[in-house]
Amino acid sequence: MVQRTADSQSLIRFDDNDYSVPVQYAHRRLTVVATVSDVRLVFDDRLVATHTRCWERERTFFEPIHYLALLERKPGGIDNARPLESWNLPECWGLLRRRLEAHDPHHGTRSYIQVLRLLEKFPLPQLTAAVEYAFDIDVIDAASIRAIVEHRSDLRVQLFPLDGRPHRDHV
């Protein structure tokens, strides 16, 4: 374990490589916990990022989700954001962006980023399924997609089966 300070680009330097952390941790001191396979970045005893460890040198590893909060404040940077350069999202995501921007040229990009920010809470396959379902029912706003993914992630109530168990008769 070693201590490192995240730079202005929300990167932590460790073993001659740079690993991203969420933008709210820029300029903060974090603990780097490295194993043979992982680099875990911890702030105040809370795990804030995990990356696969790279044994090469002078490489940079961005997690695009770490930068979405910043992009929501500055949506004009989405097309030039280095952390998003090699982010290959499923095809429906490009369609979602085009539709949101066509529907509202002034705020469509910000709405798209709001949907992307749901990846901070939900895994990509689950959110992608919600986006595709939103297309099926012809709703594409961020609030509707949030409602769909939240509804789909609700845990079903598990019933306790009484089959094969003796029942007590109530008097």
N, C-alpha and C. Protein backbone atom coordinates (compact mmCIF):
# COMPACT_ATOMS: atom_id res chain seq x y z
N MET A 1 0.84 -1.18 0.00
CA MET A 1 0.00 0.00 0.00
C MET A 1 0.88 1.24 0.00
N VAL A 2 0.51 2.17 -0.85
CA VAL A 2 1.21 3.44 -0.90
C VAL A 2 0.18 4.56 -1.05
N GLN A 3 0.57 5.75 -0.68
CA GLN A 3 -0.28 6.92 -0.82
C GLN A 3 0.13 7.68 -2.08
N ARG A 4 -0.87 8.13 -2.84
CA ARG A 4 -0.63 8.95 -4.03
C ARG A 4 -1.71 10.02 -4.11
N THR A 5 -1.38 11.13 -4.73
CA THR A 5 -2.35 12.21 -4.92
C THR A 5 -2.80 12.19 -6.38
N ALA A 6 -4.11 12.23 -6.58
CA ALA A 6 -4.66 12.28 -7.94
C ALA A 6 -4.35 13.65 -8.53
N ASP A 7 -4.01 13.67 -9.80
CA ASP A 7 -3.69 14.93 -10.46
C ASP A 7 -4.97 15.62 -10.97
N SER A 8 -4.80 16.70 -11.71
CA SER A 8 -5.95 17.48 -12.19
C SER A 8 -6.80 16.72 -13.20
N GLN A 9 -6.25 15.67 -13.79
CA GLN A 9 -7.01 14.84 -14.74
C GLN A 9 -7.60 13.61 -14.06
N SER A 10 -7.59 13.59 -12.74
CA SER A 10 -8.12 12.48 -11.95
C SER A 10 -7.36 11.18 -12.21
N LEU A 11 -6.06 11.30 -12.33
CA LEU A 11 -5.20 10.15 -12.56
C LEU A 11 -4.25 9.96 -11.39
N ILE A 12 -4.03 8.71 -11.03
CA ILE A 12 -3.08 8.34 -9.99
C ILE A 12 -1.91 7.64 -10.68
N ARG A 13 -0.70 8.07 -10.38
CA ARG A 13 0.50 7.47 -10.95
C ARG A 13 0.96 6.35 -10.03
N PHE A 14 1.08 5.14 -10.61
CA PHE A 14 1.57 4.00 -9.84
C PHE A 14 2.35 3.08 -10.76
N ASP A 15 3.53 2.70 -10.37
CA ASP A 15 4.41 1.83 -11.17
C ASP A 15 4.54 2.33 -12.61
N ASP A 16 4.76 3.62 -12.76
CA ASP A 16 4.96 4.25 -14.07
C ASP A 16 3.75 4.15 -15.00
N ASN A 17 2.58 3.91 -14.46
CA ASN A 17 1.33 3.94 -15.22
C ASN A 17 0.35 4.87 -14.52
N ASP A 18 -0.64 5.36 -15.27
CA ASP A 18 -1.66 6.24 -14.71
C ASP A 18 -3.00 5.52 -14.73
N TYR A 19 -3.71 5.59 -13.61
CA TYR A 19 -5.02 4.95 -13.44
C TYR A 19 -6.03 6.00 -13.01
N SER A 20 -7.20 5.98 -13.61
CA SER A 20 -8.20 7.01 -13.31
C SER A 20 -8.97 6.73 -12.04
N VAL A 21 -9.46 7.83 -11.46
CA VAL A 21 -10.39 7.79 -10.33
C VAL A 21 -11.53 8.75 -10.69
N PRO A 22 -12.70 8.62 -10.06
CA PRO A 22 -13.78 9.58 -10.34
C PRO A 22 -13.31 11.02 -10.11
N VAL A 23 -13.84 11.94 -10.92
CA VAL A 23 -13.34 13.32 -10.92
C VAL A 23 -13.44 14.00 -9.56
N GLN A 24 -14.34 13.59 -8.72
CA GLN A 24 -14.44 14.24 -7.41
C GLN A 24 -13.22 13.96 -6.52
N TYR A 25 -12.35 13.05 -6.94
CA TYR A 25 -11.14 12.74 -6.16
C TYR A 25 -9.88 13.38 -6.73
N ALA A 26 -10.03 14.24 -7.74
CA ALA A 26 -8.87 14.98 -8.26
C ALA A 26 -8.27 15.80 -7.13
N HIS A 27 -6.96 15.84 -7.08
CA HIS A 27 -6.19 16.60 -6.08
C HIS A 27 -6.36 16.05 -4.66
N ARG A 28 -6.82 14.84 -4.53
CA ARG A 28 -6.97 14.23 -3.20
C ARG A 28 -5.97 13.09 -3.05
N ARG A 29 -5.62 12.83 -1.83
CA ARG A 29 -4.67 11.76 -1.52
C ARG A 29 -5.44 10.46 -1.35
N LEU A 30 -5.02 9.44 -2.10
CA LEU A 30 -5.66 8.14 -2.05
C LEU A 30 -4.64 7.07 -1.71
N THR A 31 -5.13 5.94 -1.26
CA THR A 31 -4.28 4.79 -0.99
C THR A 31 -4.35 3.85 -2.18
N VAL A 32 -3.20 3.43 -2.66
CA VAL A 32 -3.13 2.47 -3.75
C VAL A 32 -2.87 1.10 -3.14
N VAL A 33 -3.77 0.17 -3.40
CA VAL A 33 -3.61 -1.21 -2.94
C VAL A 33 -3.44 -2.05 -4.20
N ALA A 34 -2.23 -2.55 -4.40
CA ALA A 34 -1.92 -3.28 -5.62
C ALA A 34 -1.72 -4.76 -5.32
N THR A 35 -2.29 -5.58 -6.19
CA THR A 35 -2.05 -7.02 -6.14
C THR A 35 -1.41 -7.40 -7.47
N VAL A 36 -1.18 -8.66 -7.66
CA VAL A 36 -0.60 -9.13 -8.92
C VAL A 36 -1.52 -8.79 -10.09
N SER A 37 -2.84 -8.80 -9.87
CA SER A 37 -3.77 -8.62 -10.98
C SER A 37 -4.54 -7.30 -10.96
N ASP A 38 -4.62 -6.62 -9.81
CA ASP A 38 -5.46 -5.42 -9.70
C ASP A 38 -4.72 -4.25 -9.07
N VAL A 39 -5.23 -3.07 -9.39
CA VAL A 39 -4.85 -1.84 -8.69
C VAL A 39 -6.15 -1.26 -8.15
N ARG A 40 -6.24 -1.22 -6.82
CA ARG A 40 -7.44 -0.68 -6.17
C ARG A 40 -7.08 0.66 -5.56
N LEU A 41 -7.97 1.63 -5.75
CA LEU A 41 -7.74 2.98 -5.26
C LEU A 41 -8.78 3.30 -4.19
N VAL A 42 -8.27 3.67 -3.02
CA VAL A 42 -9.12 3.81 -1.84
C VAL A 42 -9.01 5.23 -1.29
N PHE A 43 -10.17 5.79 -0.93
CA PHE A 43 -10.21 7.10 -0.28
C PHE A 43 -11.02 6.96 1.00
N ASP A 44 -10.42 7.33 2.13
CA ASP A 44 -11.11 7.23 3.43
C ASP A 44 -11.75 5.86 3.64
N ASP A 45 -11.00 4.82 3.43
CA ASP A 45 -11.48 3.44 3.63
C ASP A 45 -12.62 3.04 2.69
N ARG A 46 -12.81 3.77 1.60
CA ARG A 46 -13.85 3.46 0.63
C ARG A 46 -13.20 3.20 -0.73
N LEU A 47 -13.48 2.05 -1.30
CA LEU A 47 -12.95 1.71 -2.62
C LEU A 47 -13.63 2.60 -3.66
N VAL A 48 -12.84 3.38 -4.41
CA VAL A 48 -13.41 4.29 -5.39
C VAL A 48 -13.10 3.89 -6.83
N ALA A 49 -12.12 3.01 -7.03
CA ALA A 49 -11.80 2.57 -8.39
C ALA A 49 -10.98 1.28 -8.32
N THR A 50 -11.20 0.46 -9.33
CA THR A 50 -10.41 -0.77 -9.50
C THR A 50 -10.02 -0.87 -10.97
N HIS A 51 -8.77 -1.17 -11.21
CA HIS A 51 -8.27 -1.35 -12.58
C HIS A 51 -7.48 -2.66 -12.63
N THR A 52 -7.45 -3.27 -13.80
CA THR A 52 -6.57 -4.40 -14.02
C THR A 52 -5.15 -3.86 -14.04
N ARG A 53 -4.28 -4.50 -13.31
CA ARG A 53 -2.90 -4.01 -13.22
C ARG A 53 -2.17 -4.25 -14.53
N CYS A 54 -1.42 -3.26 -14.92
CA CYS A 54 -0.61 -3.35 -16.13
C CYS A 54 0.85 -3.38 -15.72
N TRP A 55 1.59 -4.35 -16.27
CA TRP A 55 3.01 -4.48 -15.93
C TRP A 55 3.90 -3.79 -16.95
N GLU A 56 3.28 -3.21 -17.98
CA GLU A 56 4.05 -2.40 -18.92
C GLU A 56 4.30 -1.04 -18.29
N ARG A 57 4.93 -0.15 -19.02
CA ARG A 57 5.26 1.17 -18.49
C ARG A 57 4.66 2.27 -19.37
N GLU A 58 4.41 3.42 -18.72
CA GLU A 58 3.94 4.63 -19.40
C GLU A 58 2.61 4.43 -20.13
N ARG A 59 1.70 3.74 -19.50
CA ARG A 59 0.36 3.54 -20.06
C ARG A 59 -0.64 4.31 -19.21
N THR A 60 -1.76 4.69 -19.80
CA THR A 60 -2.82 5.40 -19.09
C THR A 60 -4.10 4.60 -19.23
N PHE A 61 -4.79 4.41 -18.10
CA PHE A 61 -6.02 3.62 -18.08
C PHE A 61 -7.16 4.47 -17.55
N PHE A 62 -8.05 4.82 -18.47
CA PHE A 62 -9.21 5.61 -18.13
C PHE A 62 -10.42 4.71 -17.96
N GLU A 63 -11.22 4.99 -16.97
CA GLU A 63 -12.55 4.40 -16.85
C GLU A 63 -13.50 5.54 -17.24
N PRO A 64 -14.15 5.46 -18.40
CA PRO A 64 -14.98 6.57 -18.86
C PRO A 64 -16.03 7.02 -17.84
N ILE A 65 -16.56 6.10 -17.08
CA ILE A 65 -17.59 6.44 -16.10
C ILE A 65 -17.05 7.44 -15.08
N HIS A 66 -15.77 7.42 -14.80
CA HIS A 66 -15.18 8.35 -13.84
C HIS A 66 -15.31 9.80 -14.27
N TYR A 67 -15.51 10.06 -15.55
CA TYR A 67 -15.50 11.42 -16.09
C TYR A 67 -16.89 11.94 -16.46
N LEU A 68 -17.93 11.15 -16.27
CA LEU A 68 -19.26 11.57 -16.70
C LEU A 68 -19.81 12.75 -15.90
N ALA A 69 -19.51 12.82 -14.63
CA ALA A 69 -19.99 13.96 -13.82
C ALA A 69 -19.44 15.28 -14.36
N LEU A 70 -18.17 15.27 -14.76
CA LEU A 70 -17.56 16.47 -15.34
C LEU A 70 -18.19 16.79 -16.69
N LEU A 71 -18.41 15.77 -17.51
CA LEU A 71 -19.01 16.00 -18.82
C LEU A 71 -20.45 16.50 -18.72
N GLU A 72 -21.15 16.11 -17.68
CA GLU A 72 -22.52 16.60 -17.52
C GLU A 72 -22.50 18.12 -17.31
N ARG A 73 -21.50 18.62 -16.62
CA ARG A 73 -21.37 20.07 -16.43
C ARG A 73 -20.85 20.76 -17.69
N LYS A 74 -20.06 20.02 -18.50
CA LYS A 74 -19.47 20.58 -19.72
C LYS A 74 -19.73 19.63 -20.89
N PRO A 75 -20.98 19.51 -21.31
CA PRO A 75 -21.32 18.51 -22.33
C PRO A 75 -20.67 18.73 -23.69
N GLY A 76 -20.23 19.95 -23.97
CA GLY A 76 -19.58 20.22 -25.25
C GLY A 76 -18.28 19.46 -25.43
N GLY A 77 -17.72 18.95 -24.35
CA GLY A 77 -16.45 18.23 -24.42
C GLY A 77 -16.59 16.75 -24.73
N ILE A 78 -17.81 16.26 -24.90
CA ILE A 78 -18.01 14.81 -25.04
C ILE A 78 -17.29 14.22 -26.25
N ASP A 79 -17.25 14.95 -27.34
CA ASP A 79 -16.64 14.39 -28.56
C ASP A 79 -15.12 14.44 -28.54
N ASN A 80 -14.53 15.23 -27.65
CA ASN A 80 -13.08 15.36 -27.59
C ASN A 80 -12.49 14.84 -26.30
N ALA A 81 -13.30 14.23 -25.47
CA ALA A 81 -12.83 13.75 -24.16
C ALA A 81 -11.95 12.52 -24.34
N ARG A 82 -10.70 12.66 -23.98
CA ARG A 82 -9.74 11.55 -24.12
C ARG A 82 -10.19 10.28 -23.40
N PRO A 83 -10.78 10.38 -22.20
CA PRO A 83 -11.21 9.14 -21.52
C PRO A 83 -12.28 8.35 -22.27
N LEU A 84 -13.00 9.02 -23.19
CA LEU A 84 -14.07 8.34 -23.91
C LEU A 84 -13.63 7.85 -25.30
N GLU A 85 -12.40 8.15 -25.70
CA GLU A 85 -11.93 7.84 -27.05
C GLU A 85 -12.13 6.39 -27.45
N SER A 86 -11.80 5.47 -26.60
CA SER A 86 -11.87 4.05 -26.98
C SER A 86 -13.04 3.33 -26.31
N TRP A 87 -14.04 4.08 -25.91
CA TRP A 87 -15.21 3.50 -25.25
C TRP A 87 -16.17 3.00 -26.32
N ASN A 88 -16.29 1.71 -26.44
CA ASN A 88 -17.16 1.11 -27.44
C ASN A 88 -18.46 0.67 -26.79
N LEU A 89 -19.46 1.51 -26.92
CA LEU A 89 -20.78 1.19 -26.38
C LEU A 89 -21.60 0.46 -27.44
N PRO A 90 -22.58 -0.33 -27.02
CA PRO A 90 -23.46 -0.98 -27.99
C PRO A 90 -24.13 0.04 -28.92
N GLU A 91 -24.54 -0.43 -30.07
CA GLU A 91 -25.07 0.42 -31.13
C GLU A 91 -26.24 1.29 -30.68
N CYS A 92 -27.08 0.78 -29.81
CA CYS A 92 -28.27 1.54 -29.41
C CYS A 92 -27.90 2.85 -28.72
N TRP A 93 -26.70 2.94 -28.14
CA TRP A 93 -26.28 4.16 -27.46
C TRP A 93 -26.06 5.31 -28.44
N GLY A 94 -25.50 5.02 -29.59
CA GLY A 94 -25.34 6.06 -30.62
C GLY A 94 -26.69 6.55 -31.12
N LEU A 95 -27.61 5.61 -31.30
CA LEU A 95 -28.96 5.98 -31.73
C LEU A 95 -29.64 6.84 -30.66
N LEU A 96 -29.47 6.47 -29.40
CA LEU A 96 -30.05 7.26 -28.31
C LEU A 96 -29.52 8.69 -28.35
N ARG A 97 -28.23 8.84 -28.50
CA ARG A 97 -27.66 10.19 -28.55
C ARG A 97 -28.21 10.99 -29.72
N ARG A 98 -28.27 10.39 -30.88
CA ARG A 98 -28.79 11.10 -32.06
C ARG A 98 -30.24 11.53 -31.85
N ARG A 99 -31.04 10.65 -31.29
CA ARG A 99 -32.45 10.99 -31.06
C ARG A 99 -32.62 12.09 -30.02
N LEU A 100 -31.86 12.00 -28.93
CA LEU A 100 -31.96 13.03 -27.89
C LEU A 100 -31.51 14.39 -28.43
N GLU A 101 -30.44 14.41 -29.20
CA GLU A 101 -29.94 15.67 -29.75
C GLU A 101 -30.87 16.22 -30.82
N ALA A 102 -31.52 15.37 -31.60
CA ALA A 102 -32.48 15.83 -32.61
C ALA A 102 -33.74 16.38 -31.94
N HIS A 103 -34.16 15.73 -30.86
CA HIS A 103 -35.36 16.16 -30.14
C HIS A 103 -35.14 17.50 -29.43
N ASP A 104 -33.95 17.71 -28.87
CA ASP A 104 -33.65 18.93 -28.13
C ASP A 104 -32.20 19.34 -28.40
N PRO A 105 -31.99 20.12 -29.47
CA PRO A 105 -30.62 20.49 -29.85
C PRO A 105 -29.82 21.20 -28.76
N HIS A 106 -30.49 21.89 -27.83
CA HIS A 106 -29.77 22.63 -26.79
C HIS A 106 -29.40 21.77 -25.59
N HIS A 107 -30.21 20.77 -25.27
CA HIS A 107 -29.97 19.98 -24.07
C HIS A 107 -29.88 18.48 -24.32
N GLY A 108 -29.94 18.07 -25.59
CA GLY A 108 -29.92 16.65 -25.91
C GLY A 108 -28.65 15.94 -25.49
N THR A 109 -27.50 16.59 -25.66
CA THR A 109 -26.23 15.97 -25.26
C THR A 109 -26.19 15.80 -23.75
N ARG A 110 -26.65 16.80 -23.03
CA ARG A 110 -26.66 16.71 -21.57
C ARG A 110 -27.60 15.58 -21.12
N SER A 111 -28.75 15.43 -21.79
CA SER A 111 -29.67 14.34 -21.47
C SER A 111 -29.02 12.98 -21.72
N TYR A 112 -28.28 12.89 -22.81
CA TYR A 112 -27.56 11.66 -23.13
C TYR A 112 -26.55 11.34 -22.03
N ILE A 113 -25.83 12.33 -21.57
CA ILE A 113 -24.85 12.12 -20.51
C ILE A 113 -25.55 11.72 -19.21
N GLN A 114 -26.74 12.26 -18.96
CA GLN A 114 -27.50 11.87 -17.77
C GLN A 114 -27.84 10.38 -17.83
N VAL A 115 -28.17 9.88 -19.01
CA VAL A 115 -28.43 8.44 -19.15
C VAL A 115 -27.13 7.67 -18.94
N LEU A 116 -26.04 8.14 -19.52
CA LEU A 116 -24.74 7.48 -19.31
C LEU A 116 -24.38 7.43 -17.83
N ARG A 117 -24.72 8.46 -17.09
CA ARG A 117 -24.39 8.50 -15.66
C ARG A 117 -25.10 7.39 -14.88
N LEU A 118 -26.15 6.83 -15.44
CA LEU A 118 -26.80 5.69 -14.79
C LEU A 118 -25.85 4.50 -14.71
N LEU A 119 -24.80 4.52 -15.53
CA LEU A 119 -23.78 3.46 -15.47
C LEU A 119 -22.98 3.52 -14.16
N GLU A 120 -23.08 4.62 -13.44
CA GLU A 120 -22.45 4.70 -12.13
C GLU A 120 -23.15 3.78 -11.13
N LYS A 121 -24.38 3.44 -11.43
CA LYS A 121 -25.18 2.63 -10.52
C LYS A 121 -25.56 1.26 -11.09
N PHE A 122 -25.74 1.19 -12.41
CA PHE A 122 -26.21 -0.03 -13.05
C PHE A 122 -25.18 -0.55 -14.05
N PRO A 123 -25.07 -1.88 -14.19
CA PRO A 123 -24.12 -2.43 -15.17
C PRO A 123 -24.57 -2.15 -16.61
N LEU A 124 -23.60 -2.08 -17.51
CA LEU A 124 -23.87 -1.75 -18.91
C LEU A 124 -24.92 -2.66 -19.55
N PRO A 125 -24.85 -3.99 -19.39
CA PRO A 125 -25.88 -4.83 -20.03
C PRO A 125 -27.30 -4.51 -19.54
N GLN A 126 -27.44 -4.25 -18.27
CA GLN A 126 -28.75 -3.95 -17.70
C GLN A 126 -29.27 -2.61 -18.23
N LEU A 127 -28.41 -1.61 -18.28
CA LEU A 127 -28.83 -0.30 -18.78
C LEU A 127 -29.08 -0.33 -20.28
N THR A 128 -28.28 -1.08 -21.01
CA THR A 128 -28.49 -1.22 -22.45
C THR A 128 -29.85 -1.85 -22.73
N ALA A 129 -30.21 -2.85 -21.96
CA ALA A 129 -31.54 -3.48 -22.12
C ALA A 129 -32.64 -2.47 -21.84
N ALA A 130 -32.45 -1.60 -20.87
CA ALA A 130 -33.45 -0.57 -20.56
C ALA A 130 -33.55 0.44 -21.70
N VAL A 131 -32.42 0.82 -22.30
CA VAL A 131 -32.44 1.75 -23.43
C VAL A 131 -33.17 1.12 -24.61
N GLU A 132 -32.88 -0.14 -24.89
CA GLU A 132 -33.56 -0.82 -26.00
C GLU A 132 -35.07 -0.93 -25.75
N TYR A 133 -35.46 -1.21 -24.51
CA TYR A 133 -36.88 -1.27 -24.17
C TYR A 133 -37.51 0.11 -24.32
N ALA A 134 -36.80 1.15 -23.94
CA ALA A 134 -37.31 2.52 -24.09
C ALA A 134 -37.60 2.82 -25.56
N PHE A 135 -36.73 2.34 -26.46
CA PHE A 135 -37.01 2.50 -27.89
C PHE A 135 -38.28 1.76 -28.28
N ASP A 136 -38.44 0.55 -27.75
CA ASP A 136 -39.62 -0.26 -28.08
C ASP A 136 -40.92 0.43 -27.69
N ILE A 137 -40.91 1.14 -26.55
CA ILE A 137 -42.14 1.80 -26.10
C ILE A 137 -42.15 3.29 -26.46
N ASP A 138 -41.17 3.71 -27.25
CA ASP A 138 -41.08 5.06 -27.79
C ASP A 138 -40.98 6.15 -26.72
N VAL A 139 -40.13 5.91 -25.73
CA VAL A 139 -39.77 6.96 -24.76
C VAL A 139 -38.25 6.97 -24.66
N ILE A 140 -37.67 8.15 -24.73
CA ILE A 140 -36.20 8.18 -24.71
C ILE A 140 -35.64 9.21 -23.76
N ASP A 141 -36.45 9.80 -22.92
CA ASP A 141 -35.89 10.79 -22.00
C ASP A 141 -35.17 10.09 -20.84
N ALA A 142 -34.25 10.80 -20.23
CA ALA A 142 -33.40 10.23 -19.19
C ALA A 142 -34.23 9.74 -17.99
N ALA A 143 -35.26 10.49 -17.61
CA ALA A 143 -36.07 10.10 -16.46
C ALA A 143 -36.81 8.78 -16.72
N SER A 144 -37.31 8.60 -17.94
CA SER A 144 -38.01 7.35 -18.28
C SER A 144 -37.06 6.17 -18.29
N ILE A 145 -35.88 6.36 -18.84
CA ILE A 145 -34.90 5.27 -18.87
C ILE A 145 -34.47 4.92 -17.45
N ARG A 146 -34.32 5.93 -16.60
CA ARG A 146 -34.00 5.67 -15.19
C ARG A 146 -35.11 4.85 -14.54
N ALA A 147 -36.36 5.23 -14.80
CA ALA A 147 -37.49 4.49 -14.21
C ALA A 147 -37.50 3.04 -14.69
N ILE A 148 -37.22 2.83 -15.96
CA ILE A 148 -37.21 1.47 -16.52
C ILE A 148 -36.14 0.63 -15.85
N VAL A 149 -34.92 1.13 -15.79
CA VAL A 149 -33.82 0.34 -15.23
C VAL A 149 -34.01 0.12 -13.74
N GLU A 150 -34.53 1.12 -13.03
CA GLU A 150 -34.78 0.93 -11.59
C GLU A 150 -35.87 -0.10 -11.36
N HIS A 151 -36.93 -0.03 -12.16
CA HIS A 151 -38.02 -1.00 -12.02
C HIS A 151 -37.53 -2.41 -12.31
N ARG A 152 -36.73 -2.55 -13.34
CA ARG A 152 -36.22 -3.87 -13.70
C ARG A 152 -35.21 -4.41 -12.69
N SER A 153 -34.58 -3.53 -11.93
CA SER A 153 -33.59 -4.00 -10.98
C SER A 153 -34.18 -4.27 -9.60
N ASP A 154 -35.44 -3.90 -9.40
CA ASP A 154 -36.08 -4.21 -8.12
C ASP A 154 -36.06 -5.71 -7.89
N LEU A 155 -35.68 -6.10 -6.70
CA LEU A 155 -35.65 -7.52 -6.38
C LEU A 155 -37.06 -8.04 -6.21
N ARG A 156 -37.30 -9.15 -6.81
CA ARG A 156 -38.60 -9.79 -6.66
C ARG A 156 -38.73 -10.33 -5.24
N VAL A 157 -39.94 -10.29 -4.72
CA VAL A 157 -40.19 -10.82 -3.38
C VAL A 157 -40.10 -12.34 -3.45
N GLN A 158 -39.26 -12.89 -2.60
CA GLN A 158 -39.11 -14.34 -2.55
C GLN A 158 -40.16 -14.92 -1.61
N LEU A 159 -40.95 -15.82 -2.13
CA LEU A 159 -41.96 -16.47 -1.29
C LEU A 159 -41.34 -17.66 -0.59
N PHE A 160 -41.76 -17.86 0.60
CA PHE A 160 -41.29 -18.99 1.38
C PHE A 160 -42.24 -20.15 1.12
N PRO A 161 -41.80 -21.17 0.37
CA PRO A 161 -42.71 -22.27 0.05
C PRO A 161 -42.99 -23.14 1.27
N LEU A 162 -44.23 -23.51 1.41
CA LEU A 162 -44.64 -24.36 2.53
C LEU A 162 -44.84 -25.81 2.09
N ASP A 163 -44.55 -26.11 0.85
CA ASP A 163 -44.71 -27.48 0.35
C ASP A 163 -43.86 -28.44 1.17
N GLY A 164 -44.46 -29.53 1.61
CA GLY A 164 -43.75 -30.55 2.35
C GLY A 164 -43.49 -30.21 3.80
N ARG A 165 -44.07 -29.14 4.27
CA ARG A 165 -43.89 -28.75 5.68
C ARG A 165 -45.22 -28.91 6.40
N PRO A 166 -45.16 -29.41 7.62
CA PRO A 166 -46.42 -29.56 8.37
C PRO A 166 -47.01 -28.19 8.68
N HIS A 167 -48.32 -28.08 8.59
CA HIS A 167 -49.01 -26.83 8.85
C HIS A 167 -49.64 -26.87 10.22
N ARG A 168 -49.65 -25.76 10.89
CA ARG A 168 -50.34 -25.65 12.17
C ARG A 168 -51.72 -25.11 11.92
N ASP A 169 -52.68 -25.73 12.51
CA ASP A 169 -54.03 -25.22 12.41
C ASP A 169 -54.20 -24.15 13.45
N HIS A 170 -54.78 -23.06 13.04
CA HIS A 170 -55.04 -21.96 13.97
C HIS A 170 -56.43 -22.12 14.54
N VAL A 171 -56.56 -21.93 15.82
CA VAL A 171 -57.85 -22.06 16.48
C VAL A 171 -58.55 -20.75 16.53
